[in-house]
C-alpha atoms as a PDB file:
ATOM      1  CA  MET A   1      -0.397  -0.027   0.406  1.00  0.00           C
ATOM      2  CA  GLN A   2       1.238   2.835  -0.951  1.00  0.00           C
ATOM      3  CA  VAL A   3       1.395   6.057   1.778  1.00  0.00           C
ATOM      4  CA  LYS A   4       3.285   9.686   1.647  1.00  0.00           C
ATOM      5  CA  ILE A   5       4.911  10.670   4.511  1.00  0.00           C
ATOM      6  CA  ALA A   6       6.838  13.827   5.907  1.00  0.00           C
ATOM      7  CA  ASN A   7      10.344  14.445   2.758  1.00  0.00           C
ATOM      8  CA  PRO A   8      12.871  13.644   6.442  1.00  0.00           C
ATOM      9  CA  ILE A   9      15.865  15.605   4.409  1.00  0.00           C
ATOM     10  CA  TYR A  10      13.722  19.231   5.843  1.00  0.00           C
ATOM     11  CA  ASP A  11      15.193  19.653   8.930  1.00  0.00           C
ATOM     12  CA  VAL A  12      11.985  20.321  10.708  1.00  0.00           C
ATOM     13  CA  VAL A  13      10.714  16.656   9.918  1.00  0.00           C
ATOM     14  CA  PHE A  14      14.310  14.508  10.453  1.00  0.00           C
ATOM     15  CA  LYS A  15      13.715  16.215  13.932  1.00  0.00           C
ATOM     16  CA  TYR A  16      10.419  15.305  14.365  1.00  0.00           C
ATOM     17  CA  LEU A  17      11.493  11.566  13.368  1.00  0.00           C
ATOM     18  CA  MET A  18      14.858  11.624  15.697  1.00  0.00           C
ATOM     19  CA  GLU A  19      12.471  12.628  19.457  1.00  0.00           C
ATOM     20  CA  ASP A  20      11.125   9.444  19.105  1.00  0.00           C
ATOM     21  CA  ASN A  21      13.506   7.441  21.007  1.00  0.00           C
ATOM     22  CA  ALA A  22      12.661   3.948  19.592  1.00  0.00           C
ATOM     23  CA  ILE A  23      13.353   5.469  16.395  1.00  0.00           C
ATOM     24  CA  ALA A  24      16.522   7.399  16.672  1.00  0.00           C
ATOM     25  CA  LYS A  25      17.863   3.927  18.944  1.00  0.00           C
ATOM     26  CA  LEU A  26      17.077   2.089  15.518  1.00  0.00           C
ATOM     27  CA  MET A  27      18.881   4.505  13.265  1.00  0.00           C
ATOM     28  CA  VAL A  28      21.847   5.137  15.426  1.00  0.00           C
ATOM     29  CA  SER A  29      22.496   1.263  16.057  1.00  0.00           C
ATOM     30  CA  SER A  30      21.961   0.277  12.018  1.00  0.00           C
ATOM     31  CA  ILE A  31      24.159   2.837  11.482  1.00  0.00           C
ATOM     32  CA  ILE A  32      26.618   1.890  13.231  1.00  0.00           C
ATOM     33  CA  GLY A  33      26.700  -1.657  13.084  1.00  0.00           C
ATOM     34  CA  GLU A  34      26.379  -2.673  16.738  1.00  0.00           C
ATOM     35  CA  GLU A  35      24.084  -2.804  20.090  1.00  0.00           C
ATOM     36  CA  VAL A  36      22.835  -0.107  21.480  1.00  0.00           C
ATOM     37  CA  GLU A  37      21.728  -0.914  24.882  1.00  0.00           C
ATOM     38  CA  TRP A  38      20.032   2.700  25.616  1.00  0.00           C
ATOM     39  CA  LEU A  39      20.275   6.493  24.212  1.00  0.00           C
ATOM     40  CA  ASP A  40      19.951   9.147  26.168  1.00  0.00           C
ATOM     41  CA  PRO A  41      19.499  12.437  23.888  1.00  0.00           C
ATOM     42  CA  LYS A  42      21.425  15.631  25.258  1.00  0.00           C
ATOM     43  CA  PRO A  43      19.491  18.432  24.748  1.00  0.00           C
ATOM     44  CA  GLN A  44      17.914  19.253  20.749  1.00  0.00           C
ATOM     45  CA  GLU A  45      19.119  22.826  19.580  1.00  0.00           C
ATOM     46  CA  TYR A  46      18.636  24.957  16.594  1.00  0.00           C
ATOM     47  CA  VAL A  47      22.004  26.170  16.410  1.00  0.00           C
ATOM     48  CA  THR A  48      21.644  29.585  14.801  1.00  0.00           C
ATOM     49  CA  GLU A  49      24.573  31.142  13.480  1.00  0.00           C
ATOM     50  CA  THR A  50      25.427  34.661  11.423  1.00  0.00           C
ATOM     51  CA  PHE A  51      27.080  34.618   7.724  1.00  0.00           C
ATOM     52  CA  ASN A  52      29.297  37.218   6.629  1.00  0.00           C
ATOM     53  CA  VAL A  53      26.718  38.410   4.117  1.00  0.00           C
ATOM     54  CA  GLY A  54      24.582  40.853   5.953  1.00  0.00           C
ATOM     55  CA  GLN A  55      22.631  40.196   8.699  1.00  0.00           C
ATOM     56  CA  THR A  56      21.658  36.254   7.347  1.00  0.00           C
ATOM     57  CA  THR A  57      21.080  33.894   9.647  1.00  0.00           C
ATOM     58  CA  HIS A  58      21.106  29.786   9.427  1.00  0.00           C
ATOM     59  CA  THR A  59      20.067  27.199  11.246  1.00  0.00           C
ATOM     60  CA  VAL A  60      21.606  23.338  11.138  1.00  0.00           C
ATOM     61  CA  TYR A  61      20.144  21.028  13.528  1.00  0.00           C
ATOM     62  CA  ARG A  62      22.486  18.466  14.850  1.00  0.00           C
ATOM     63  CA  LEU A  63      21.308  15.824  18.163  1.00  0.00           C
ATOM     64  CA  ASP A  64      24.430  14.554  20.379  1.00  0.00           C
ATOM     65  CA  PHE A  65      23.875  11.530  22.445  1.00  0.00           C
ATOM     66  CA  ASN A  66      25.521   9.709  25.237  1.00  0.00           C
ATOM     67  CA  ALA A  67      25.094   5.944  24.821  1.00  0.00           C
ATOM     68  CA  LYS A  68      25.909   3.001  25.782  1.00  0.00           C
ATOM     69  CA  ILE A  69      27.049   0.017  23.772  1.00  0.00           C
ATOM     70  CA  LYS A  70      27.370  -3.510  24.398  1.00  0.00           C
ATOM     71  CA  THR A  71      30.510  -4.841  23.884  1.00  0.00           C
ATOM     72  CA  ALA A  72      32.149  -8.639  24.010  1.00  0.00           C
ATOM     73  CA  ASP A  73      33.788  -8.227  27.196  1.00  0.00           C
ATOM     74  CA  GLY A  74      30.737  -5.847  28.748  1.00  0.00           C
ATOM     75  CA  TYR A  75      29.673  -2.353  27.868  1.00  0.00           C
ATOM     76  CA  LYS A  76      31.306   1.119  26.382  1.00  0.00           C
ATOM     77  CA  MET A  77      30.364   5.288  26.696  1.00  0.00           C
ATOM     78  CA  VAL A  78      30.265   7.047  23.701  1.00  0.00           C
ATOM     79  CA  LEU A  79      28.867   9.869  22.516  1.00  0.00           C
ATOM     80  CA  ILE A  80      27.221   9.965  19.227  1.00  0.00           C
ATOM     81  CA  GLU A  81      27.268  13.443  17.577  1.00  0.00           C
ATOM     82  CA  MET A  82      24.757  13.403  14.746  1.00  0.00           C
ATOM     83  CA  GLN A  83      24.090  16.357  11.923  1.00  0.00           C
ATOM     84  CA  LYS A  84      22.004  16.911   9.013  1.00  0.00           C
ATOM     85  CA  ALA A  85      23.002  19.356   5.950  1.00  0.00           C
ATOM     86  CA  THR A  86      21.318  20.222   3.103  1.00  0.00           C
ATOM     87  CA  LEU A  87      24.356  22.558   1.947  1.00  0.00           C
ATOM     88  CA  MET A  88      27.904  21.591   1.371  1.00  0.00           C
ATOM     89  CA  ILE A  89      28.790  25.175   2.864  1.00  0.00           C
ATOM     90  CA  ASP A  90      28.243  23.219   6.401  1.00  0.00           C
ATOM     91  CA  ILE A  91      31.691  21.642   6.510  1.00  0.00           C
ATOM     92  CA  VAL A  92      33.542  24.589   8.281  1.00  0.00           C
ATOM     93  CA  ARG A  93      30.612  23.717  11.515  1.00  0.00           C
ATOM     94  CA  PHE A  94      30.820  20.326  11.277  1.00  0.00           C
ATOM     95  CA  ARG A  95      34.873  20.623  11.797  1.00  0.00           C
ATOM     96  CA  ALA A  96      34.487  24.147  14.382  1.00  0.00           C
ATOM     97  CA  TYR A  97      31.414  21.802  16.070  1.00  0.00           C
ATOM     98  CA  LEU A  98      33.769  18.742  16.099  1.00  0.00           C
ATOM     99  CA  GLY A  99      36.262  20.771  17.939  1.00  0.00           C
ATOM    100  CA  ARG A 100      33.841  20.920  20.337  1.00  0.00           C
ATOM    101  CA  GLN A 101      33.208  18.222  21.993  1.00  0.00           C
ATOM    102  CA  TYR A 102      36.623  17.052  21.921  1.00  0.00           C
ATOM    103  CA  ALA A 103      38.166  20.657  24.094  1.00  0.00           C
ATOM    104  CA  HIS A 104      34.440  20.052  26.137  1.00  0.00           C
ATOM    105  CA  ALA A 105      35.661  19.090  29.438  1.00  0.00           C
ATOM    106  CA  GLY A 106      31.619  17.100  29.871  1.00  0.00           C
ATOM    107  CA  ASN A 107      32.264  14.862  27.713  1.00  0.00           C
ATOM    108  CA  VAL A 108      32.926  11.681  30.292  1.00  0.00           C
ATOM    109  CA  HIS A 109      32.076   8.750  31.506  1.00  0.00           C
ATOM    110  CA  VAL A 110      32.094   8.630  35.596  1.00  0.00           C
ATOM    111  CA  GLU A 111      31.972   5.190  37.200  1.00  0.00           C
ATOM    112  CA  ALA A 112      32.688   4.530  40.772  1.00  0.00           C
ATOM    113  CA  LYS A 113      33.699   1.632  41.477  1.00  0.00           C
ATOM    114  CA  GLY A 114      34.068   0.820  45.423  1.00  0.00           C
ATOM    115  CA  LYS A 115      36.521   3.726  46.640  1.00  0.00           C
ATOM    116  CA  LYS A 116      37.786   4.307  43.876  1.00  0.00           C
ATOM    117  CA  THR A 117      36.281   6.512  40.970  1.00  0.00           C
ATOM    118  CA  THR A 118      37.355   6.381  37.481  1.00  0.00           C
ATOM    119  CA  ILE A 119      36.604   9.389  34.271  1.00  0.00           C
ATOM    120  CA  THR A 120      36.749   7.905  30.677  1.00  0.00           C
ATOM    121  CA  PRO A 121      36.927  10.463  28.246  1.00  0.00           C
ATOM    122  CA  LEU A 122      34.056   9.295  25.732  1.00  0.00           C
ATOM    123  CA  GLN A 123      34.902   8.378  22.221  1.00  0.00           C
ATOM    124  CA  ILE A 124      33.207  10.095  19.775  1.00  0.00           C
ATOM    125  CA  TYR A 125      31.037   8.828  16.411  1.00  0.00           C
ATOM    126  CA  THR A 126      29.609  11.150  14.085  1.00  0.00           C
ATOM    127  CA  ILE A 127      27.330  10.443  12.008  1.00  0.00           C
ATOM    128  CA  TYR A 128      26.012  12.793   9.491  1.00  0.00           C
ATOM    129  CA  PHE A 129      23.547  13.125   6.958  1.00  0.00           C
ATOM    130  CA  LEU A 130      24.067  15.109   3.761  1.00  0.00           C
ATOM    131  CA  GLY A 131      22.044  16.512   1.167  1.00  0.00           C
ATOM    132  CA  ASP A 132      25.080  17.238  -1.490  1.00  0.00           C
ATOM    133  CA  ASP A 133      27.023  13.761  -2.013  1.00  0.00           C
ATOM    134  CA  LEU A 134      30.930  13.812  -1.864  1.00  0.00           C
ATOM    135  CA  LYS A 135      31.483  11.976  -5.363  1.00  0.00           C
ATOM    136  CA  ILE A 136      30.971   8.789  -3.935  1.00  0.00           C
ATOM    137  CA  CYS A 137      27.391   7.846  -5.421  1.00  0.00           C
ATOM    138  CA  ASP A 138      28.099   4.422  -5.953  1.00  0.00           C
ATOM    139  CA  THR A 139      28.422   4.299  -2.215  1.00  0.00           C
ATOM    140  CA  PRO A 140      25.549   5.808  -0.334  1.00  0.00           C
ATOM    141  CA  VAL A 141      27.181   5.089   3.290  1.00  0.00           C
ATOM    142  CA  LEU A 142      29.993   5.748   3.867  1.00  0.00           C
ATOM    143  CA  ARG A 143      31.968   4.315   6.881  1.00  0.00           C
ATOM    144  CA  ILE A 144      35.186   6.211   8.314  1.00  0.00           C
ATOM    145  CA  PHE A 145      37.656   4.773  11.126  1.00  0.00           C
ATOM    146  CA  PRO A 146      40.991   5.017  12.670  1.00  0.00           C
ATOM    147  CA  ASN A 147      43.300   1.799  11.457  1.00  0.00           C
ATOM    148  CA  VAL A 148      46.246   1.536  13.844  1.00  0.00           C
ATOM    149  CA  VAL A 149      48.903  -0.075  12.080  1.00  0.00           C
ATOM    150  CA  ASP A 150      52.196  -1.850  12.706  1.00  0.00           C
ATOM    151  CA  VAL A 151      55.353   0.627  10.661  1.00  0.00           C
ATOM    152  CA  ALA A 152      57.636  -1.534  10.362  1.00  0.00           C
ATOM    153  CA  THR A 153      55.468  -4.043   9.115  1.00  0.00           C
ATOM    154  CA  ASN A 154      52.942  -2.451   7.766  1.00  0.00           C
ATOM    155  CA  LYS A 155      49.832  -5.138   9.399  1.00  0.00           C
ATOM    156  CA  GLU A 156      46.729  -3.253  11.241  1.00  0.00           C
ATOM    157  CA  VAL A 157      47.103  -3.961  15.050  1.00  0.00           C
ATOM    158  CA  GLU A 158      44.211  -6.145  16.448  1.00  0.00           C
ATOM    159  CA  ALA A 159      44.391  -4.583  19.982  1.00  0.00           C
ATOM    160  CA  ARG A 160      42.537  -1.892  20.980  1.00  0.00           C
ATOM    161  CA  SER A 161      44.406   1.154  23.510  1.00  0.00           C
ATOM    162  CA  GLU A 162      41.556   3.847  25.062  1.00  0.00           C
ATOM    163  CA  PHE A 163      43.948   6.686  24.393  1.00  0.00           C
ATOM    164  CA  ILE A 164      44.162   5.897  20.703  1.00  0.00           C
ATOM    165  CA  GLU A 165      40.181   5.503  20.831  1.00  0.00           C
ATOM    166  CA  SER A 166      39.911   9.022  22.837  1.00  0.00           C
ATOM    167  CA  LEU A 167      42.365  10.678  20.428  1.00  0.00           C
ATOM    168  CA  ASN A 168      40.040   9.354  17.233  1.00  0.00           C
ATOM    169  CA  HIS A 169      37.259   9.022  16.123  1.00  0.00           C
ATOM    170  CA  LYS A 170      34.509   6.883  14.063  1.00  0.00           C
ATOM    171  CA  SER A 171      32.612   8.700  11.359  1.00  0.00           C
ATOM    172  CA  TRP A 172      29.403   7.690   8.968  1.00  0.00           C
ATOM    173  CA  VAL A 173      28.542   9.515   6.503  1.00  0.00           C
ATOM    174  CA  VAL A 174      24.731   8.780   4.737  1.00  0.00           C
ATOM    175  CA  GLN A 175      24.448  10.610   1.387  1.00  0.00           C
ATOM    176  CA  ILE A 176      21.012  10.725   0.934  1.00  0.00           C
ATOM    177  CA  SER A 177      20.811  11.995  -2.547  1.00  0.00           C
ATOM    178  CA  CYS A 178      23.093   8.529  -3.358  1.00  0.00           C
ATOM    179  CA  LEU A 179      20.545   6.426  -1.860  1.00  0.00           C
ATOM    180  CA  LYS A 180      17.896   6.053  -5.370  1.00  0.00           C
ATOM    181  CA  GLN A 181      16.682   2.310  -5.514  1.00  0.00           C
ATOM    182  CA  ARG A 182      19.682   1.236  -2.838  1.00  0.00           C
ATOM    183  CA  ARG A 183      18.688  -1.743  -1.024  1.00  0.00           C
ATOM    184  CA  ARG A 184      21.533  -4.163  -0.692  1.00  0.00           C
ATOM    185  CA  SER A 185      21.425  -4.480   2.721  1.00  0.00           C
ATOM    186  CA  GLU A 186      18.624  -3.810   6.226  1.00  0.00           C
ATOM    187  CA  LEU A 187      20.471  -0.098   6.172  1.00  0.00           C
ATOM    188  CA  GLU A 188      19.824   0.670   3.071  1.00  0.00           C
ATOM    189  CA  LYS A 189      16.177  -0.231   3.060  1.00  0.00           C
ATOM    190  CA  LEU A 190      16.323   1.604   6.539  1.00  0.00           C
ATOM    191  CA  LEU A 191      17.888   4.583   4.568  1.00  0.00           C
ATOM    192  CA  SER A 192      14.926   4.643   2.305  1.00  0.00           C
ATOM    193  CA  VAL A 193      12.793   6.847   3.564  1.00  0.00           C
ATOM    194  CA  PHE A 194      14.913   9.322   2.799  1.00  0.00           C
ATOM    195  CA  ASP A 195      14.911   8.480  -0.295  1.00  0.00           C
ATOM    196  CA  GLN A 196      14.541  11.558  -2.922  1.00  0.00           C
ATOM    197  CA  SER A 197      13.661   9.889  -6.028  1.00  0.00           C
ATOM    198  CA  ASN A 198       9.769   9.015  -4.019  1.00  0.00           C
ATOM    199  CA  ILE A 199       9.543  12.415  -4.452  1.00  0.00           C
ATOM    200  CA  THR A 200       5.936  13.733  -5.572  1.00  0.00           C
ATOM    201  CA  SER A 201       4.501  16.723  -7.063  1.00  0.00           C
ATOM    202  CA  ASP A 202       4.906  18.663  -3.938  1.00  0.00           C
ATOM    203  CA  ASN A 203       8.810  18.306  -2.803  1.00  0.00           C
ATOM    204  CA  HIS A 204       7.499  17.673   1.699  1.00  0.00           C
ATOM    205  CA  ILE A 205       5.985  14.414   0.496  1.00  0.00           C
ATOM    206  CA  LEU A 206       7.527  11.243  -0.772  1.00  0.00           C
ATOM    207  CA  ASN A 207       5.200   8.706  -1.153  1.00  0.00           C
ATOM    208  CA  VAL A 208       6.368   4.981  -0.306  1.00  0.00           C
ATOM    209  CA  SER A 209       5.057   1.567  -0.092  1.00  0.00           C
ATOM    210  CA  GLU A 210       4.925   0.485   3.627  1.00  0.00           C
ATOM    211  CA  GLU A 211       5.355  -3.235   2.194  1.00  0.00           C
ATOM    212  CA  ASP A 212       8.791  -2.516   1.264  1.00  0.00           C
ATOM    213  CA  PHE A 213       9.946  -2.316   5.256  1.00  0.00           C
ATOM    214  CA  PRO A 214      10.203  -4.792   7.647  1.00  0.00           C
ATOM    215  CA  GLU A 215       8.094  -5.236   9.799  1.00  0.00           C
ATOM    216  CA  GLU A 216      10.697  -3.794  12.841  1.00  0.00           C
ATOM    217  CA  TYR A 217      11.182  -0.841  10.232  1.00  0.00           C
ATOM    218  CA  ARG A 218       7.856   0.441   9.850  1.00  0.00           C
ATOM    219  CA  HIS A 219       7.592   2.230  13.016  1.00  0.00           C
ATOM    220  CA  ILE A 220       9.443   5.457  10.804  1.00  0.00           C
ATOM    221  CA  VAL A 221       7.374   5.501   8.293  1.00  0.00           C
ATOM    222  CA  ARG A 222       4.376   5.673  10.502  1.00  0.00           C
ATOM    223  CA  ARG A 223       5.880   8.305  12.485  1.00  0.00           C
ATOM    224  CA  LEU A 224       6.724  10.422   9.171  1.00  0.00           C
ATOM    225  CA  LYS A 225       3.441   9.929   8.232  1.00  0.00           C
ATOM    226  CA  MET A 226       1.915  11.428  11.007  1.00  0.00           C
ATOM    227  CA  ALA A 227       4.438  14.681  10.602  1.00  0.00           C
ATOM    228  CA  ALA A 228       2.920  14.593   7.010  1.00  0.00           C
ATOM    229  CA  SER A 229      -0.410  15.043   8.620  1.00  0.00           C
ATOM    230  CA  ASN A 230       1.355  18.061  11.085  1.00  0.00           C
ATOM    231  CA  LYS A 231       0.777  21.576  10.226  1.00  0.00           C
ATOM    232  CA  GLU A 232       2.721  23.215  11.751  1.00  0.00           C
ATOM    233  CA  VAL A 233       5.496  20.905  10.363  1.00  0.00           C
ATOM    234  CA  MET A 234       4.356  21.295   7.312  1.00  0.00           C
ATOM    235  CA  GLU A 235       4.456  25.451   7.734  1.00  0.00           C
ATOM    236  CA  GLN A 236       7.736  25.266   8.796  1.00  0.00           C
ATOM    237  CA  MET A 237       8.798  23.168   5.785  1.00  0.00           C
ATOM    238  CA  LYS A 238       7.492  25.517   3.249  1.00  0.00           C
ATOM    239  CA  LYS A 239       9.892  28.501   5.641  1.00  0.00           C
ATOM    240  CA  GLU A 240      13.236  26.130   5.065  1.00  0.00           C
ATOM    241  CA  ASP A 241      12.456  26.134   1.299  1.00  0.00           C
ATOM    242  CA  MET A 242      12.133  29.942   1.364  1.00  0.00           C
ATOM    243  CA  TYR A 243      15.147  30.125   3.366  1.00  0.00           C
ATOM    244  CA  LEU A 244      17.028  27.358   1.003  1.00  0.00           C
ATOM    245  CA  LEU A 245      16.301  29.583  -1.650  1.00  0.00           C
ATOM    246  CA  TYR A 246      17.245  32.855  -0.184  1.00  0.00           C
ATOM    247  CA  LEU A 247      20.534  31.036   0.404  1.00  0.00           C
ATOM    248  CA  LYS A 248      21.318  30.034  -3.279  1.00  0.00           C
ATOM    249  CA  GLN A 249      20.118  33.366  -4.731  1.00  0.00           C
ATOM    250  CA  VAL A 250      23.008  34.539  -2.094  1.00  0.00           C
ATOM    251  CA  GLU A 251      25.828  32.055  -2.846  1.00  0.00           C
ATOM    252  CA  ARG A 252      25.073  32.461  -6.706  1.00  0.00           C
ATOM    253  CA  LYS A 253      25.569  36.634  -6.102  1.00  0.00           C
ATOM    254  CA  SER A 254      28.618  35.955  -4.698  1.00  0.00           C
ATOM    255  CA  GLU A 255      30.151  33.505  -7.012  1.00  0.00           C
ATOM    256  CA  GLU A 256      28.329  36.486 -10.108  1.00  0.00           C
ATOM    257  CA  LYS A 257      30.681  39.444  -8.241  1.00  0.00           C
ATOM    258  CA  GLY A 258      33.770  36.470  -7.713  1.00  0.00           C
ATOM    259  CA  GLU A 259      33.695  36.115 -11.136  1.00  0.00           C
ATOM    260  CA  GLU A 260      33.187  40.328 -11.790  1.00  0.00           C
ATOM    261  CA  LYS A 261      35.919  40.854  -9.846  1.00  0.00           C
ATOM    262  CA  ALA A 262      38.663  38.214 -11.230  1.00  0.00           C
ATOM    263  CA  THR A 263      37.274  39.491 -14.351  1.00  0.00           C
ATOM    264  CA  LYS A 264      38.089  43.400 -14.078  1.00  0.00           C
ATOM    265  CA  LYS A 265      41.320  42.298 -12.200  1.00  0.00           C
ATOM    266  CA  TYR A 266      42.277  40.165 -15.128  1.00  0.00           C
ATOM    267  CA  GLU A 267      41.406  43.083 -17.648  1.00  0.00           C
ATOM    268  CA  GLY A 268      43.449  45.488 -15.339  1.00  0.00           C
ATOM    269  CA  ILE A 269      46.443  43.305 -16.017  1.00  0.00           C
ATOM    270  CA  ILE A 270      45.544  42.821 -20.079  1.00  0.00           C
ATOM    271  CA  ALA A 271      45.248  46.682 -20.529  1.00  0.00           C
ATOM    272  CA  LYS A 272      48.602  47.469 -18.160  1.00  0.00           C
ATOM    273  CA  LYS A 273      50.186  45.034 -20.460  1.00  0.00           C
ATOM    274  CA  ASP A 274      48.891  46.779 -23.462  1.00  0.00           C
ATOM    275  CA  GLN A 275      50.645  49.849 -21.693  1.00  0.00           C
ATOM    276  CA  GLU A 276      53.487  48.106 -21.503  1.00  0.00           C
ATOM    277  CA  ILE A 277      53.616  46.972 -24.872  1.00  0.00           C
ATOM    278  CA  ASN A 278      52.443  50.046 -26.382  1.00  0.00           C
ATOM    279  CA  GLN A 279      55.261  52.044 -24.202  1.00  0.00           C
ATOM    280  CA  LYS A 280      57.983  49.950 -25.987  1.00  0.00           C
ATOM    281  CA  ASP A 281      56.174  49.774 -29.378  1.00  0.00           C
ATOM    282  CA  GLN A 282      56.903  53.824 -28.836  1.00  0.00           C
ATOM    283  CA  GLU A 283      60.292  52.854 -27.986  1.00  0.00           C
ATOM    284  CA  LEU A 284      61.033  50.789 -30.862  1.00  0.00           C
ATOM    285  CA  SER A 285      59.886  53.498 -32.923  1.00  0.00           C
ATOM    286  CA  GLN A 286      61.941  56.206 -31.502  1.00  0.00           C
ATOM    287  CA  LYS A 287      65.008  54.357 -31.944  1.00  0.00           C
ATOM    288  CA  ASP A 288      64.274  53.729 -35.845  1.00  0.00           C
ATOM    289  CA  GLN A 289      63.848  57.003 -36.462  1.00  0.00           C
ATOM    290  CA  GLU A 290      66.859  57.854 -34.648  1.00  0.00           C
ATOM    291  CA  LEU A 291      68.406  54.695 -36.761  1.00  0.00           C
ATOM    292  CA  ASN A 292      66.984  56.564 -39.955  1.00  0.00           C
ATOM    293  CA  GLN A 293      68.599  59.312 -39.135  1.00  0.00           C
ATOM    294  CA  LYS A 294      71.930  58.392 -38.508  1.00  0.00           C
ATOM    295  CA  ASP A 295      72.110  56.354 -42.101  1.00  0.00           C
ATOM    296  CA  LYS A 296      70.909  59.784 -44.065  1.00  0.00           C
ATOM    297  CA  GLU A 297      73.652  61.170 -41.940  1.00  0.00           C
ATOM    298  CA  ILE A 298      76.569  58.894 -43.195  1.00  0.00           C
ATOM    299  CA  GLU A 299      74.941  58.654 -46.829  1.00  0.00           C
ATOM    300  CA  SER A 300      75.801  62.783 -46.588  1.00  0.00           C
ATOM    301  CA  LEU A 301      78.948  61.866 -45.314  1.00  0.00           C
ATOM    302  CA  LEU A 302      79.227  59.221 -48.101  1.00  0.00           C
ATOM    303  CA  LYS A 303      78.537  62.121 -50.619  1.00  0.00           C
ATOM    304  CA  GLN A 304      80.598  64.748 -49.317  1.00  0.00           C
ATOM    305  CA  ILE A 305      83.814  62.593 -49.441  1.00  0.00           C
ATOM    306  CA  LYS A 306      82.833  61.030 -52.932  1.00  0.00           C
ATOM    307  CA  ASP A 307      82.661  64.704 -54.355  1.00  0.00           C
ATOM    308  CA  LEU A 308      85.322  65.912 -52.705  1.00  0.00           C
ATOM    309  CA  GLN A 309      87.074  63.013 -54.431  1.00  0.00           C
ATOM    310  CA  GLY A 310      85.701  63.939 -58.020  1.00  0.00           C
ATOM    311  CA  SER A 311      87.057  67.500 -57.541  1.00  0.00           C
ATOM    312  CA  THR A 312      90.546  66.250 -56.723  1.00  0.00           C
ATOM    313  CA  THR A 313      90.759  64.019 -60.071  1.00  0.00           C
END
């Protein structure tokens, strides 16, 4: 059965989806490929940042979780940073926010064992949902892990170290534009709710078949169906459309100004070169005139010498 769902590429819909803790836990577990025992979301927020162009502001949705992950010998605590961006201009913000996460003194796990209390820095997992692709479109979901290698043998070291894991992070990148009809794994089936090839005549709505999703994923479809009937969500999506259109206009004008500036710069360089060439031409012309004058003087002297020789004979 075909159902209409709100398009989760919009910030407001993504936020609405991830506010359901069961869905957030399912989504995170499926992406990182590890069993999440519990997921504790930190306060959700829209982060407002100011552009250099006029007084324009831009909001980027990001969501952080403290997560308890089951391991072979117990469990580990990690910080999961999830961000979604439609435009690639957000790369600098991703870097800045990641740096703040490393620097934040509160991103530690405190555990009391008898009289002893241990404080462990949380390893950071980053998950990025990108509207733009990274020019690696054969792979909708990318996994980037730090490898530990023995430099002498060039072989990977299997042992793990708290020191290394605390100073490096694992990343996953979901390229939304590359999800088209990709259903090779359970994860790609789950993420197909983002597939923009299912878009209708209304960009706010995707048309999906609920039967295409395993039963454990249908809660996601139903949540997005609820979002499609939520007037406040739909109104916010229209505002996002207007804002993205404005951003694109600002970006285009900036490019046009950059091209105009570059053109004027090169025109100035060419004009200067033309002026130098004209100056050289004038100098050469003057040299030619001087040489012609010298030739005439020599011819006159030769004629005088010839006339004198004729008169003496």
